[in-house]
N, C-alpha and C. Protein backbone atom coordinates (compact mmCIF):
# COMPACT_ATOMS: atom_id res chain seq x y z
N UNK A 1 -9.39 -9.05 10.59
CA UNK A 1 -8.17 -8.37 10.91
C UNK A 1 -7.79 -8.61 12.46
N UNK A 2 -8.88 -8.81 13.19
CA UNK A 2 -8.63 -9.04 14.62
C UNK A 2 -7.99 -10.39 14.89
N UNK A 3 -8.27 -11.34 14.04
CA UNK A 3 -7.60 -12.65 14.12
C UNK A 3 -6.10 -12.51 13.90
N UNK A 4 -5.81 -11.68 12.89
CA UNK A 4 -4.44 -11.52 12.58
C UNK A 4 -3.63 -10.82 13.72
N UNK A 5 -4.28 -9.85 14.33
CA UNK A 5 -3.64 -9.12 15.46
C UNK A 5 -3.58 -9.95 16.68
N UNK A 6 -4.50 -10.90 16.89
CA UNK A 6 -4.39 -11.73 18.01
C UNK A 6 -3.26 -12.75 18.00
N UNK A 7 -2.67 -12.93 16.79
CA UNK A 7 -1.55 -13.75 16.69
C UNK A 7 -0.21 -13.10 17.22
N UNK A 8 -0.27 -11.81 17.32
CA UNK A 8 0.95 -11.10 17.82
C UNK A 8 1.07 -11.46 19.32
N UNK A 9 2.20 -11.99 19.70
CA UNK A 9 2.38 -12.44 21.06
C UNK A 9 2.71 -11.29 22.05
N UNK A 10 3.41 -10.31 21.55
CA UNK A 10 3.87 -9.17 22.39
C UNK A 10 2.63 -8.37 22.71
N UNK A 11 2.26 -8.30 23.97
CA UNK A 11 1.03 -7.54 24.36
C UNK A 11 1.14 -6.08 24.06
N UNK A 12 2.30 -5.43 24.15
CA UNK A 12 2.48 -4.05 23.96
C UNK A 12 2.23 -3.71 22.43
N UNK A 13 2.84 -4.49 21.56
CA UNK A 13 2.72 -4.38 20.15
C UNK A 13 1.24 -4.68 19.69
N UNK A 14 0.66 -5.69 20.28
CA UNK A 14 -0.68 -6.03 19.91
C UNK A 14 -1.63 -4.96 20.30
N UNK A 15 -1.62 -4.51 21.50
CA UNK A 15 -2.63 -3.41 21.87
C UNK A 15 -2.28 -2.13 21.12
N UNK A 16 -0.99 -1.86 20.94
CA UNK A 16 -0.58 -0.69 20.12
C UNK A 16 -1.08 -0.66 18.72
N UNK A 17 -1.09 -1.84 18.11
CA UNK A 17 -1.63 -1.96 16.75
C UNK A 17 -3.08 -1.75 16.71
N UNK A 18 -3.82 -2.43 17.70
CA UNK A 18 -5.29 -2.35 17.68
C UNK A 18 -5.74 -0.91 17.90
N UNK A 19 -5.23 -0.25 19.00
CA UNK A 19 -5.66 1.10 19.24
C UNK A 19 -5.06 2.13 18.25
N UNK A 20 -3.84 1.88 17.73
CA UNK A 20 -3.28 2.76 16.81
C UNK A 20 -4.15 2.81 15.45
N UNK A 21 -4.52 1.63 14.99
CA UNK A 21 -5.40 1.58 13.77
C UNK A 21 -6.78 2.26 14.01
N UNK A 22 -7.33 1.97 15.23
CA UNK A 22 -8.63 2.72 15.50
C UNK A 22 -8.39 4.22 15.56
N UNK A 23 -7.25 4.69 16.25
CA UNK A 23 -7.06 6.09 16.36
C UNK A 23 -6.80 6.73 14.96
N UNK A 24 -6.07 6.02 14.14
CA UNK A 24 -5.86 6.49 12.79
C UNK A 24 -7.12 6.68 11.98
N UNK A 25 -8.05 5.76 12.04
CA UNK A 25 -9.28 5.90 11.33
C UNK A 25 -10.17 7.04 11.95
N UNK A 26 -10.15 7.17 13.25
CA UNK A 26 -10.93 8.26 13.90
C UNK A 26 -10.32 9.67 13.50
N UNK A 27 -9.03 9.75 13.58
CA UNK A 27 -8.39 11.01 13.20
C UNK A 27 -8.59 11.34 11.77
N UNK A 28 -8.59 10.32 10.93
CA UNK A 28 -8.87 10.56 9.53
C UNK A 28 -10.29 11.09 9.26
N UNK A 29 -11.22 10.54 9.97
CA UNK A 29 -12.63 10.96 9.87
C UNK A 29 -12.78 12.36 10.44
N UNK A 30 -12.06 12.67 11.58
CA UNK A 30 -12.22 13.94 12.21
C UNK A 30 -11.54 15.06 11.32
N UNK A 31 -10.52 14.71 10.59
CA UNK A 31 -9.85 15.67 9.76
C UNK A 31 -10.78 16.24 8.67
N UNK A 32 -11.78 15.45 8.28
CA UNK A 32 -12.76 16.01 7.27
C UNK A 32 -13.75 16.91 7.87
N UNK A 33 -13.91 16.83 9.26
CA UNK A 33 -14.90 17.70 9.96
C UNK A 33 -14.20 18.95 10.46
N UNK A 34 -13.11 18.71 11.17
CA UNK A 34 -12.45 19.81 11.77
C UNK A 34 -10.90 19.60 11.71
N UNK A 35 -10.12 20.60 11.60
CA UNK A 35 -8.72 20.56 11.49
C UNK A 35 -8.01 21.06 12.79
N UNK A 36 -8.77 20.96 13.92
CA UNK A 36 -8.19 21.42 15.21
C UNK A 36 -7.12 20.47 15.68
N UNK A 37 -5.99 21.07 16.19
CA UNK A 37 -4.97 20.26 16.74
C UNK A 37 -5.23 19.71 18.05
N UNK A 38 -6.12 20.48 18.88
CA UNK A 38 -6.45 20.01 20.16
C UNK A 38 -7.20 18.72 20.29
N UNK A 39 -8.07 18.58 19.31
CA UNK A 39 -8.89 17.31 19.26
C UNK A 39 -7.99 16.09 18.96
N UNK A 40 -7.07 16.37 18.02
CA UNK A 40 -6.10 15.26 17.63
C UNK A 40 -5.27 14.84 18.89
N UNK A 41 -4.77 15.88 19.64
CA UNK A 41 -3.89 15.51 20.78
C UNK A 41 -4.76 14.81 21.82
N UNK A 42 -5.96 15.22 22.09
CA UNK A 42 -6.80 14.56 23.11
C UNK A 42 -7.13 13.12 22.73
N UNK A 43 -7.47 12.94 21.43
CA UNK A 43 -7.71 11.56 21.02
C UNK A 43 -6.46 10.68 21.15
N UNK A 44 -5.25 11.19 20.75
CA UNK A 44 -4.01 10.41 20.91
C UNK A 44 -3.79 10.04 22.43
N UNK A 45 -3.98 10.99 23.28
CA UNK A 45 -3.80 10.72 24.71
C UNK A 45 -4.76 9.61 25.25
N UNK A 46 -6.02 9.77 24.79
CA UNK A 46 -7.03 8.74 25.28
C UNK A 46 -6.79 7.43 24.75
N UNK A 47 -6.51 7.32 23.41
CA UNK A 47 -6.22 5.98 22.86
C UNK A 47 -5.01 5.35 23.50
N UNK A 48 -3.98 6.14 23.68
CA UNK A 48 -2.72 5.62 24.38
C UNK A 48 -3.03 5.14 25.84
N UNK A 49 -3.78 5.90 26.49
CA UNK A 49 -4.22 5.44 27.86
C UNK A 49 -4.86 4.10 27.87
N UNK A 50 -5.83 3.92 26.98
CA UNK A 50 -6.52 2.66 26.89
C UNK A 50 -5.67 1.51 26.53
N UNK A 51 -4.75 1.76 25.50
CA UNK A 51 -3.83 0.72 25.07
C UNK A 51 -2.86 0.30 26.23
N UNK A 52 -2.40 1.33 26.88
CA UNK A 52 -1.46 1.09 27.98
C UNK A 52 -2.10 0.29 29.14
N UNK A 53 -3.36 0.69 29.45
CA UNK A 53 -4.05 -0.08 30.54
C UNK A 53 -4.29 -1.48 30.14
N UNK A 54 -4.76 -1.79 28.97
CA UNK A 54 -5.03 -3.10 28.54
C UNK A 54 -3.77 -4.01 28.45
N UNK A 55 -2.74 -3.34 28.04
CA UNK A 55 -1.42 -4.15 27.86
C UNK A 55 -0.85 -4.44 29.21
N UNK A 56 -0.92 -3.52 30.17
CA UNK A 56 -0.38 -3.72 31.50
C UNK A 56 -1.20 -4.69 32.28
N UNK A 57 -2.46 -4.88 31.95
CA UNK A 57 -3.26 -5.88 32.70
C UNK A 57 -2.80 -7.30 32.32
N UNK A 58 -2.15 -7.40 31.24
CA UNK A 58 -1.71 -8.79 30.79
C UNK A 58 -0.37 -9.12 31.47
N UNK A 59 0.47 -8.13 31.74
CA UNK A 59 1.86 -8.43 32.23
C UNK A 59 2.04 -7.89 33.62
N UNK A 60 1.29 -6.94 34.04
CA UNK A 60 1.51 -6.31 35.34
C UNK A 60 2.65 -5.39 35.46
N UNK A 61 3.10 -4.87 34.32
CA UNK A 61 4.30 -3.95 34.27
C UNK A 61 3.89 -2.69 33.55
N UNK A 62 4.40 -1.50 34.09
CA UNK A 62 4.15 -0.22 33.54
C UNK A 62 4.83 -0.07 32.18
N UNK A 63 6.04 -0.78 32.05
CA UNK A 63 6.83 -0.58 30.82
C UNK A 63 6.03 -1.14 29.62
N UNK A 64 5.23 -2.19 29.84
CA UNK A 64 4.39 -2.70 28.70
C UNK A 64 3.40 -1.65 28.28
N UNK A 65 2.78 -1.05 29.27
CA UNK A 65 1.77 0.03 28.96
C UNK A 65 2.36 1.17 28.20
N UNK A 66 3.63 1.57 28.62
CA UNK A 66 4.26 2.68 27.97
C UNK A 66 4.64 2.36 26.56
N UNK A 67 5.12 1.16 26.35
CA UNK A 67 5.39 0.82 24.92
C UNK A 67 4.17 0.72 24.09
N UNK A 68 3.05 0.23 24.64
CA UNK A 68 1.74 0.14 23.86
C UNK A 68 1.27 1.53 23.56
N UNK A 69 1.44 2.51 24.52
CA UNK A 69 1.10 3.86 24.21
C UNK A 69 1.95 4.50 23.10
N UNK A 70 3.22 4.15 23.11
CA UNK A 70 4.15 4.69 22.09
C UNK A 70 3.71 4.15 20.66
N UNK A 71 3.42 2.82 20.64
CA UNK A 71 2.96 2.28 19.34
C UNK A 71 1.67 2.91 18.90
N UNK A 72 0.78 3.13 19.79
CA UNK A 72 -0.52 3.66 19.59
C UNK A 72 -0.42 5.07 18.90
N UNK A 73 0.43 5.94 19.58
CA UNK A 73 0.58 7.29 19.13
C UNK A 73 1.29 7.29 17.70
N UNK A 74 2.23 6.35 17.58
CA UNK A 74 3.05 6.37 16.31
C UNK A 74 2.16 5.93 15.20
N UNK A 75 1.39 4.83 15.34
CA UNK A 75 0.61 4.31 14.25
C UNK A 75 -0.57 5.17 14.02
N UNK A 76 -1.20 5.70 15.15
CA UNK A 76 -2.37 6.53 14.97
C UNK A 76 -2.19 7.82 14.20
N UNK A 77 -1.00 8.42 14.37
CA UNK A 77 -0.70 9.64 13.63
C UNK A 77 -0.11 9.39 12.28
N UNK A 78 0.62 8.24 12.10
CA UNK A 78 1.17 7.90 10.86
C UNK A 78 0.09 7.58 9.71
N UNK A 79 -0.99 6.87 10.10
CA UNK A 79 -1.94 6.60 9.10
C UNK A 79 -2.60 7.80 8.44
N UNK A 80 -3.16 8.70 9.20
CA UNK A 80 -3.71 9.98 8.51
C UNK A 80 -2.75 10.85 7.87
N UNK A 81 -1.54 10.84 8.39
CA UNK A 81 -0.51 11.71 7.79
C UNK A 81 -0.10 11.21 6.42
N UNK A 82 0.09 9.85 6.31
CA UNK A 82 0.45 9.27 5.06
C UNK A 82 -0.62 9.48 4.00
N UNK A 83 -1.89 9.29 4.40
CA UNK A 83 -2.96 9.54 3.55
C UNK A 83 -3.09 10.93 3.11
N UNK A 84 -2.76 11.83 3.96
CA UNK A 84 -2.79 13.31 3.59
C UNK A 84 -1.64 13.60 2.61
N UNK A 85 -0.53 12.96 2.75
CA UNK A 85 0.57 13.21 1.77
C UNK A 85 0.13 12.73 0.41
N UNK A 86 -0.47 11.51 0.37
CA UNK A 86 -0.88 10.84 -0.85
C UNK A 86 -1.86 11.75 -1.54
N UNK A 87 -2.93 12.24 -0.77
CA UNK A 87 -3.96 13.12 -1.38
C UNK A 87 -3.28 14.42 -1.91
N UNK A 88 -2.34 14.91 -1.26
CA UNK A 88 -1.70 16.12 -1.67
C UNK A 88 -0.92 15.98 -3.01
N UNK A 89 -0.26 14.81 -3.08
CA UNK A 89 0.47 14.49 -4.29
C UNK A 89 -0.48 14.35 -5.49
N UNK A 90 -1.65 13.77 -5.20
CA UNK A 90 -2.55 13.57 -6.31
C UNK A 90 -3.19 14.95 -6.78
N UNK A 91 -3.53 15.81 -5.80
CA UNK A 91 -4.22 17.09 -6.12
C UNK A 91 -3.28 18.26 -5.85
N UNK A 92 -1.97 18.16 -6.04
CA UNK A 92 -1.08 19.23 -5.59
C UNK A 92 -1.28 20.47 -6.39
N UNK A 93 -1.67 20.41 -7.64
CA UNK A 93 -1.86 21.68 -8.44
C UNK A 93 -3.16 22.45 -7.95
N UNK A 94 -4.15 21.75 -7.71
CA UNK A 94 -5.34 22.41 -7.18
C UNK A 94 -5.14 23.02 -5.80
N UNK A 95 -4.36 22.27 -4.92
CA UNK A 95 -4.03 22.80 -3.52
C UNK A 95 -3.16 24.02 -3.72
N UNK A 96 -2.19 23.99 -4.63
CA UNK A 96 -1.32 25.17 -4.81
C UNK A 96 -2.06 26.35 -5.27
N UNK A 97 -3.01 26.22 -6.22
CA UNK A 97 -3.82 27.38 -6.65
C UNK A 97 -4.59 27.96 -5.57
N UNK A 98 -5.27 27.01 -4.77
CA UNK A 98 -6.02 27.55 -3.68
C UNK A 98 -5.24 28.20 -2.61
N UNK A 99 -4.06 27.77 -2.30
CA UNK A 99 -3.19 28.38 -1.36
C UNK A 99 -2.74 29.78 -1.88
N UNK A 100 -2.48 29.79 -3.14
CA UNK A 100 -1.95 31.09 -3.75
C UNK A 100 -3.03 32.16 -3.74
N UNK A 101 -4.30 31.72 -4.09
CA UNK A 101 -5.39 32.70 -4.00
C UNK A 101 -5.63 33.23 -2.56
N UNK A 102 -5.50 32.33 -1.60
CA UNK A 102 -5.63 32.70 -0.20
C UNK A 102 -4.60 33.73 0.15
N UNK A 103 -3.34 33.46 -0.20
CA UNK A 103 -2.20 34.33 0.05
C UNK A 103 -2.29 35.70 -0.63
N UNK A 104 -2.77 35.67 -1.86
CA UNK A 104 -3.01 36.97 -2.54
C UNK A 104 -4.09 37.83 -1.92
N UNK A 105 -5.17 37.20 -1.45
CA UNK A 105 -6.26 37.93 -0.81
C UNK A 105 -5.81 38.54 0.53
N UNK A 106 -4.90 37.89 1.23
CA UNK A 106 -4.39 38.39 2.47
C UNK A 106 -3.13 39.34 2.30
N UNK A 107 -2.75 39.49 1.09
CA UNK A 107 -1.59 40.39 0.65
C UNK A 107 -0.26 39.86 1.47
N UNK A 108 0.00 38.56 1.35
CA UNK A 108 1.17 37.93 2.07
C UNK A 108 2.40 37.99 1.25
N UNK A 109 2.29 38.24 0.00
CA UNK A 109 3.47 38.31 -0.98
C UNK A 109 4.22 36.94 -0.96
N UNK A 110 3.58 35.89 -0.99
CA UNK A 110 4.16 34.56 -0.99
C UNK A 110 3.88 33.86 -2.31
N UNK A 111 4.78 33.30 -2.97
CA UNK A 111 4.57 32.50 -4.12
C UNK A 111 4.70 31.01 -3.81
N UNK A 112 3.60 30.31 -3.89
CA UNK A 112 3.57 28.92 -3.56
C UNK A 112 4.03 28.06 -4.77
N UNK A 113 4.86 27.11 -4.47
CA UNK A 113 5.19 26.15 -5.44
C UNK A 113 4.94 24.72 -4.94
N UNK A 114 4.99 23.78 -5.76
CA UNK A 114 4.71 22.34 -5.36
C UNK A 114 5.72 21.91 -4.34
N UNK A 115 6.95 22.25 -4.55
CA UNK A 115 8.01 21.85 -3.57
C UNK A 115 7.76 22.52 -2.17
N UNK A 116 7.31 23.78 -2.23
CA UNK A 116 7.15 24.49 -0.93
C UNK A 116 5.93 23.86 -0.18
N UNK A 117 4.84 23.51 -0.93
CA UNK A 117 3.73 22.80 -0.28
C UNK A 117 4.15 21.46 0.31
N UNK A 118 4.86 20.66 -0.45
CA UNK A 118 5.28 19.39 -0.01
C UNK A 118 6.23 19.47 1.18
N UNK A 119 7.11 20.49 1.21
CA UNK A 119 8.05 20.66 2.29
C UNK A 119 7.29 21.01 3.63
N UNK A 120 6.23 21.93 3.45
CA UNK A 120 5.42 22.29 4.56
C UNK A 120 4.63 21.13 5.16
N UNK A 121 4.14 20.31 4.32
CA UNK A 121 3.39 19.16 4.72
C UNK A 121 4.34 18.11 5.47
N UNK A 122 5.60 18.03 4.91
CA UNK A 122 6.52 17.08 5.54
C UNK A 122 6.91 17.54 6.93
N UNK A 123 7.07 18.85 7.10
CA UNK A 123 7.43 19.39 8.41
C UNK A 123 6.21 19.19 9.45
N UNK A 124 4.99 19.45 8.93
CA UNK A 124 3.85 19.21 9.85
C UNK A 124 3.78 17.71 10.17
N UNK A 125 4.06 16.81 9.25
CA UNK A 125 4.04 15.37 9.48
C UNK A 125 5.01 14.99 10.55
N UNK A 126 6.25 15.57 10.55
CA UNK A 126 7.30 15.19 11.58
C UNK A 126 6.87 15.76 12.95
N UNK A 127 6.25 17.02 12.99
CA UNK A 127 5.86 17.56 14.23
C UNK A 127 4.75 16.78 14.84
N UNK A 128 3.71 16.42 14.03
CA UNK A 128 2.58 15.63 14.51
C UNK A 128 3.06 14.23 15.01
N UNK A 129 4.00 13.66 14.29
CA UNK A 129 4.47 12.29 14.67
C UNK A 129 5.17 12.40 16.07
N UNK A 130 5.98 13.44 16.18
CA UNK A 130 6.69 13.56 17.51
C UNK A 130 5.74 13.86 18.60
N UNK A 131 4.73 14.65 18.37
CA UNK A 131 3.69 14.93 19.40
C UNK A 131 2.83 13.67 19.74
N UNK A 132 2.52 12.85 18.66
CA UNK A 132 1.81 11.61 18.85
C UNK A 132 2.64 10.59 19.76
N UNK A 133 3.91 10.51 19.45
CA UNK A 133 4.75 9.58 20.20
C UNK A 133 4.80 10.06 21.65
N UNK A 134 5.02 11.33 21.89
CA UNK A 134 5.15 11.90 23.18
C UNK A 134 3.93 11.70 24.05
N UNK A 135 2.78 12.07 23.39
CA UNK A 135 1.51 11.88 24.12
C UNK A 135 1.22 10.39 24.28
N UNK A 136 1.62 9.58 23.32
CA UNK A 136 1.47 8.15 23.43
C UNK A 136 2.20 7.53 24.64
N UNK A 137 3.46 7.98 24.83
CA UNK A 137 4.25 7.50 25.91
C UNK A 137 3.57 8.02 27.29
N UNK A 138 3.18 9.24 27.33
CA UNK A 138 2.63 9.74 28.53
C UNK A 138 1.24 8.99 28.84
N UNK A 139 0.41 8.90 27.85
CA UNK A 139 -0.90 8.18 28.09
C UNK A 139 -0.69 6.74 28.42
N UNK A 140 0.29 6.12 27.73
CA UNK A 140 0.57 4.70 27.94
C UNK A 140 1.10 4.48 29.39
N UNK A 141 1.97 5.36 29.85
CA UNK A 141 2.49 5.24 31.23
C UNK A 141 1.43 5.31 32.24
N UNK A 142 0.51 6.32 32.11
CA UNK A 142 -0.54 6.54 33.05
C UNK A 142 -1.55 5.36 33.00
N UNK A 143 -1.83 4.92 31.81
CA UNK A 143 -2.66 3.75 31.61
C UNK A 143 -2.11 2.51 32.18
N UNK A 144 -0.80 2.41 31.98
CA UNK A 144 -0.11 1.19 32.51
C UNK A 144 -0.10 1.13 34.04
N UNK A 145 -0.03 2.29 34.62
CA UNK A 145 -0.07 2.37 36.04
C UNK A 145 -1.41 1.87 36.56
N UNK A 146 -2.54 2.21 35.85
CA UNK A 146 -3.85 1.77 36.26
C UNK A 146 -4.00 0.29 35.94
N UNK A 147 -3.51 -0.19 34.74
CA UNK A 147 -3.64 -1.52 34.41
C UNK A 147 -2.84 -2.44 35.31
N UNK A 148 -1.69 -2.01 35.72
CA UNK A 148 -0.88 -2.88 36.58
C UNK A 148 -1.54 -3.28 37.86
N UNK A 149 -2.33 -2.33 38.43
CA UNK A 149 -3.05 -2.67 39.62
C UNK A 149 -4.14 -3.64 39.42
N UNK A 150 -4.65 -3.80 38.28
CA UNK A 150 -5.80 -4.70 37.97
C UNK A 150 -5.26 -6.00 37.34
N UNK A 151 -3.97 -6.17 37.20
CA UNK A 151 -3.43 -7.32 36.52
C UNK A 151 -3.77 -8.60 37.28
N UNK A 152 -4.12 -9.61 36.59
CA UNK A 152 -4.42 -10.90 37.15
C UNK A 152 -3.46 -11.93 36.56
N UNK A 153 -2.24 -12.02 37.37
CA UNK A 153 -1.19 -12.89 36.87
C UNK A 153 -1.12 -14.06 37.80
N UNK A 154 -1.11 -15.32 37.36
CA UNK A 154 -0.93 -16.44 38.16
C UNK A 154 0.38 -16.43 38.93
N UNK A 155 0.34 -16.74 40.23
CA UNK A 155 1.56 -16.70 41.01
C UNK A 155 2.57 -17.76 40.57
N UNK A 156 3.90 -17.29 40.58
CA UNK A 156 4.91 -18.17 40.18
C UNK A 156 5.39 -18.98 41.27
N UNK A 157 5.43 -20.35 41.13
CA UNK A 157 5.87 -21.22 42.21
C UNK A 157 7.30 -21.16 42.32
N UNK A 158 7.78 -20.93 43.62
CA UNK A 158 9.28 -20.86 43.80
C UNK A 158 9.74 -22.24 43.97
N UNK A 159 10.99 -22.48 43.40
CA UNK A 159 11.59 -23.86 43.59
C UNK A 159 12.30 -23.95 44.97
N UNK A 160 11.87 -24.97 45.68
CA UNK A 160 12.59 -25.17 47.00
C UNK A 160 13.29 -26.49 46.95
N UNK A 161 14.49 -26.45 47.39
CA UNK A 161 15.40 -27.62 47.47
C UNK A 161 15.00 -28.47 48.67
N UNK A 162 14.98 -29.78 48.44
CA UNK A 162 14.69 -30.77 49.51
C UNK A 162 15.89 -30.82 50.43
N UNK A 163 15.65 -30.62 51.75
CA UNK A 163 16.71 -30.60 52.76
C UNK A 163 16.52 -31.84 53.59
N UNK A 164 17.68 -32.68 53.70
CA UNK A 164 17.64 -33.87 54.50
C UNK A 164 17.64 -33.48 56.02
N UNK A 165 16.71 -34.03 56.69
CA UNK A 165 16.59 -33.79 58.09
C UNK A 165 16.94 -35.04 58.81
N UNK A 166 17.97 -35.17 59.69
CA UNK A 166 18.28 -36.37 60.39
C UNK A 166 17.30 -36.68 61.43
N UNK A 167 16.99 -37.93 61.70
CA UNK A 167 15.97 -38.30 62.72
C UNK A 167 16.41 -37.72 64.15
N UNK A 168 15.39 -37.40 64.87
CA UNK A 168 15.64 -36.88 66.25
C UNK A 168 16.11 -38.05 67.11
N UNK A 169 16.55 -37.63 68.30
CA UNK A 169 17.10 -38.66 69.29
C UNK A 169 16.05 -39.71 69.69
N UNK A 170 14.84 -39.27 69.83
CA UNK A 170 13.79 -40.16 70.28
C UNK A 170 13.48 -41.15 69.11
N UNK A 171 13.46 -40.63 67.88
CA UNK A 171 13.15 -41.53 66.77
C UNK A 171 14.30 -42.52 66.55
N UNK A 172 15.55 -42.13 66.76
CA UNK A 172 16.61 -43.05 66.63
C UNK A 172 16.70 -44.13 67.63
N UNK A 173 16.24 -43.80 68.95
CA UNK A 173 16.07 -44.79 69.92
C UNK A 173 15.03 -45.85 69.60
N UNK A 174 13.93 -45.37 69.10
CA UNK A 174 12.83 -46.18 68.79
C UNK A 174 13.27 -47.20 67.54
N UNK A 175 14.05 -46.64 66.60
CA UNK A 175 14.45 -47.49 65.49
C UNK A 175 15.46 -48.54 66.04
N UNK A 176 16.31 -48.18 67.08
CA UNK A 176 17.32 -49.16 67.50
C UNK A 176 16.60 -50.20 68.33
N UNK A 177 15.62 -49.88 69.25
CA UNK A 177 14.95 -50.88 69.98
C UNK A 177 14.10 -51.80 69.07
N UNK A 178 13.57 -51.29 68.06
CA UNK A 178 12.79 -52.08 67.14
C UNK A 178 13.71 -53.11 66.39
N UNK A 179 14.92 -52.71 66.12
CA UNK A 179 15.87 -53.70 65.37
C UNK A 179 16.32 -54.77 66.31
N UNK A 180 16.44 -54.41 67.61
CA UNK A 180 16.91 -55.35 68.62
C UNK A 180 15.80 -56.42 68.85
N UNK A 181 14.54 -56.08 68.87
CA UNK A 181 13.49 -57.01 69.16
C UNK A 181 13.13 -57.93 67.97
N UNK A 182 13.56 -57.52 66.81
CA UNK A 182 13.32 -58.38 65.68
C UNK A 182 14.14 -59.56 65.73
N UNK A 183 13.55 -60.76 65.52
CA UNK A 183 14.29 -61.98 65.42
C UNK A 183 14.90 -62.17 64.06
N UNK A 184 16.11 -62.68 64.13
CA UNK A 184 16.75 -62.97 62.85
C UNK A 184 16.08 -64.10 62.11
N UNK A 185 16.01 -64.08 60.83
CA UNK A 185 15.33 -65.15 60.09
C UNK A 185 16.04 -66.45 60.25
N UNK A 186 15.11 -67.54 60.48
CA UNK A 186 15.75 -68.92 60.72
C UNK A 186 16.38 -69.36 59.34
N UNK A 187 17.53 -69.89 59.56
CA UNK A 187 18.26 -70.39 58.37
C UNK A 187 18.30 -71.92 58.46
N UNK A 188 17.95 -72.59 57.43
CA UNK A 188 18.00 -74.07 57.35
C UNK A 188 19.40 -74.42 56.90
N UNK A 189 20.00 -75.39 57.63
CA UNK A 189 21.38 -75.81 57.21
C UNK A 189 21.29 -76.55 55.82
N UNK A 190 22.22 -76.20 55.14
CA UNK A 190 22.21 -76.83 53.79
C UNK A 190 22.79 -78.31 53.90
N UNK A 191 22.08 -79.10 53.25
CA UNK A 191 22.53 -80.58 53.34
C UNK A 191 23.35 -80.85 52.15
N UNK A 192 24.47 -81.37 52.55
CA UNK A 192 25.37 -81.70 51.45
C UNK A 192 25.15 -83.23 51.12
N UNK A 193 24.97 -83.45 49.90
CA UNK A 193 24.79 -84.88 49.46
C UNK A 193 26.05 -85.75 49.80
N UNK A 194 25.67 -86.95 50.34
CA UNK A 194 26.72 -87.78 50.75
C UNK A 194 27.07 -88.66 49.47
N UNK A 195 28.27 -88.71 49.21
CA UNK A 195 28.64 -89.54 48.01
C UNK A 195 29.24 -90.82 48.52
N UNK A 196 28.79 -91.88 48.03
CA UNK A 196 29.27 -93.20 48.35
C UNK A 196 30.22 -93.67 47.31
N UNK A 197 31.33 -94.12 47.83
CA UNK A 197 32.40 -94.53 46.91
C UNK A 197 32.40 -96.08 46.92
N UNK A 198 32.33 -96.60 45.86
CA UNK A 198 32.34 -98.10 45.71
C UNK A 198 33.76 -98.41 45.24
N UNK A 199 34.25 -99.45 45.95
CA UNK A 199 35.53 -99.96 45.41
C UNK A 199 35.37 -101.23 44.71
N UNK A 200 35.91 -101.22 43.67
CA UNK A 200 35.86 -102.38 42.85
C UNK A 200 37.07 -103.24 43.03
N UNK A 201 36.88 -104.42 43.24
CA UNK A 201 38.02 -105.25 43.39
C UNK A 201 38.62 -105.56 42.08
């Protein structure tokens, strides 16, 4: 997969894809251990920072790092959210029964339906996506600022027009004296063939 991502020429998109996929896998693994929002936000910020720093090292611009952070946050949150939606659709009846039992124990007087569960998950998905993009932009901008200082970009050679400089007075005098001292080339006179006319009597 790394060979496929290396073909992406845009450094912001390339680094965003790399760190976004890594972030998505890490968030998916963390979701099975803990469902804390703080850990998710910290991981998004850290991944966006690294992506922004690496992208800006290639171009020397903060904008590249900011875009890399945006892609990282977007992709990193999108992957586990989509998998959560798929898992909910597969096990929606079991999730609904579990949620209803919890609500009844707490005397919340809520009747859960499949549509209500799906709507709640969709709202959570939109909020997480917005937070991921926001933290990605912030982390990418900060990382881009660090990466810009470490950028190693070859200097661009400026085009300079050739300017004609006339010879100075001393140089023109030397050229004139040199032309006077030179002897003209010797020319050999051309010989015209003499034609003899014979008169016939």
